[in-house]
Protein backbone atom coordinates (compact mmCIF):
# COMPACT_ATOMS: atom_id res chain seq x y z
CA LYS A 1 -56.22 21.43 -0.07
CA PHE A 2 -54.02 19.55 -2.51
CA VAL A 3 -53.11 19.21 -6.16
CA SER A 4 -53.32 15.67 -7.49
CA GLY A 5 -51.06 16.60 -10.40
CA SER A 6 -50.57 15.39 -13.92
CA TRP A 7 -50.23 11.75 -14.81
CA LEU A 8 -48.15 10.21 -17.57
CA PHE A 9 -48.51 6.54 -18.37
CA SER A 10 -46.75 4.40 -20.92
CA PRO A 11 -48.67 3.86 -24.16
CA ASP A 12 -48.41 0.15 -23.27
CA SER A 13 -50.31 0.65 -20.00
CA PRO A 14 -53.68 -1.06 -19.80
CA THR A 15 -56.67 1.05 -20.78
CA GLY A 16 -57.91 2.84 -17.67
CA ALA A 17 -54.64 2.65 -15.75
CA SER A 18 -54.26 6.43 -15.66
CA ILE A 19 -57.82 6.88 -14.38
CA LEU A 20 -57.28 4.30 -11.65
CA GLY A 21 -53.94 5.93 -10.74
CA GLY A 22 -55.67 9.28 -10.34
CA ILE A 23 -58.40 7.73 -8.21
CA ILE A 24 -55.81 6.10 -5.94
CA CYS A 25 -53.99 9.42 -5.54
CA LYS A 26 -57.21 11.22 -4.60
CA GLU A 27 -58.22 8.40 -2.23
CA ILE A 28 -54.94 8.76 -0.35
CA ALA A 29 -55.31 12.55 -0.13
CA TYR A 30 -58.95 12.46 0.93
CA GLU A 31 -59.04 9.39 3.17
CA GLU A 32 -55.52 8.94 4.54
CA LEU A 33 -54.43 12.58 4.76
CA GLY A 34 -57.86 14.03 5.55
CA LEU A 35 -57.73 16.66 2.80
CA GLU A 36 -60.99 17.97 1.39
CA ARG A 37 -60.34 19.81 -1.88
CA ASP A 38 -58.25 19.09 -4.95
CA PHE A 39 -57.04 21.86 -7.24
CA GLY A 40 -56.31 21.03 -10.87
CA ASP A 41 -55.92 22.44 -14.33
CA THR A 42 -56.34 21.09 -17.84
CA ARG A 43 -55.29 22.46 -21.19
CA LYS A 44 -58.33 23.37 -23.28
CA ASN A 45 -57.04 21.43 -26.28
CA ASN A 46 -56.82 18.23 -24.20
CA LYS A 47 -60.46 17.38 -24.86
CA ARG A 48 -60.45 13.85 -23.40
CA VAL A 49 -58.97 14.91 -20.06
CA LEU A 50 -61.13 18.01 -19.96
CA ARG A 51 -64.25 15.88 -20.46
CA TYR A 52 -63.05 13.44 -17.78
CA ASN A 53 -62.37 16.22 -15.27
CA MET A 54 -65.72 17.86 -16.00
CA SER A 55 -67.47 14.56 -15.19
CA TYR A 56 -66.56 15.19 -11.52
CA GLU A 57 -68.59 18.43 -11.65
CA PRO A 58 -65.75 20.65 -10.41
CA GLU A 59 -66.03 24.33 -9.64
CA ILE A 60 -64.27 26.26 -12.41
CA ILE A 61 -62.15 28.77 -10.51
CA GLY A 62 -60.35 30.33 -13.44
CA GLU A 63 -59.58 30.20 -17.10
CA ASP A 64 -57.11 31.72 -19.50
CA GLU A 65 -56.64 31.31 -23.24
CA THR A 66 -55.09 27.83 -22.90
CA THR A 67 -56.11 26.40 -19.52
CA VAL A 68 -59.14 25.76 -17.30
CA TYR A 69 -58.54 25.75 -13.52
CA PHE A 70 -60.68 23.57 -11.26
CA LEU A 71 -61.53 22.93 -7.65
CA PHE A 72 -62.74 19.37 -7.07
CA SER A 73 -64.69 18.30 -3.99
CA LYS A 74 -64.40 15.10 -2.00
CA GLU A 75 -68.16 14.62 -2.02
CA LYS A 76 -68.48 14.70 -5.81
CA PHE A 77 -65.41 12.51 -6.22
CA ASN A 78 -66.92 9.88 -3.92
CA LYS A 79 -70.21 10.06 -5.83
CA ILE A 80 -68.62 9.37 -9.22
CA LYS A 81 -65.47 7.29 -8.62
CA LEU A 82 -67.14 3.86 -8.33
CA GLY A 83 -68.51 4.07 -11.86
CA TYR A 84 -65.01 4.70 -13.19
CA ILE A 85 -63.52 1.90 -11.10
CA GLU A 86 -66.10 -0.58 -12.40
CA GLN A 87 -65.70 0.59 -16.00
CA CYS A 88 -61.88 0.48 -15.94
CA THR A 89 -61.84 -2.91 -14.21
CA LYS A 90 -64.11 -4.44 -16.88
CA ILE A 91 -62.00 -3.03 -19.71
CA MET A 92 -58.76 -4.24 -18.12
CA GLN A 93 -60.20 -7.72 -17.56
CA GLN A 94 -61.30 -7.90 -21.20
CA GLU A 95 -57.87 -6.78 -22.40
CA MET A 96 -56.18 -9.44 -20.26
CA LEU A 97 -58.54 -12.11 -21.58
CA HIS A 98 -57.77 -11.17 -25.20
CA LYS A 99 -54.02 -11.27 -24.53
CA THR A 100 -54.23 -14.83 -23.23
CA MET A 101 -56.12 -16.10 -26.31
């Protein structure tokens, strides 16, 4: 078991950098450290992150008036991560192309 934690990125970071950072963190925990489950929480008013976390189909293990608590599985992470990697990579490539023009 592990907690992948909260991520803060500079507003100047490329679009998708925080998603890729989270994927790298989970990859290390799952593949290098052999851990199987990731615990997390998200504030209910943080709609974008809540929607992102829900896309991994986590088990909701608790909830209070401000926060939802999750348990993520390695299997579901592996099923969904490639779509995010492809999407973020395309967006980052497009941003780099526009900066060079």
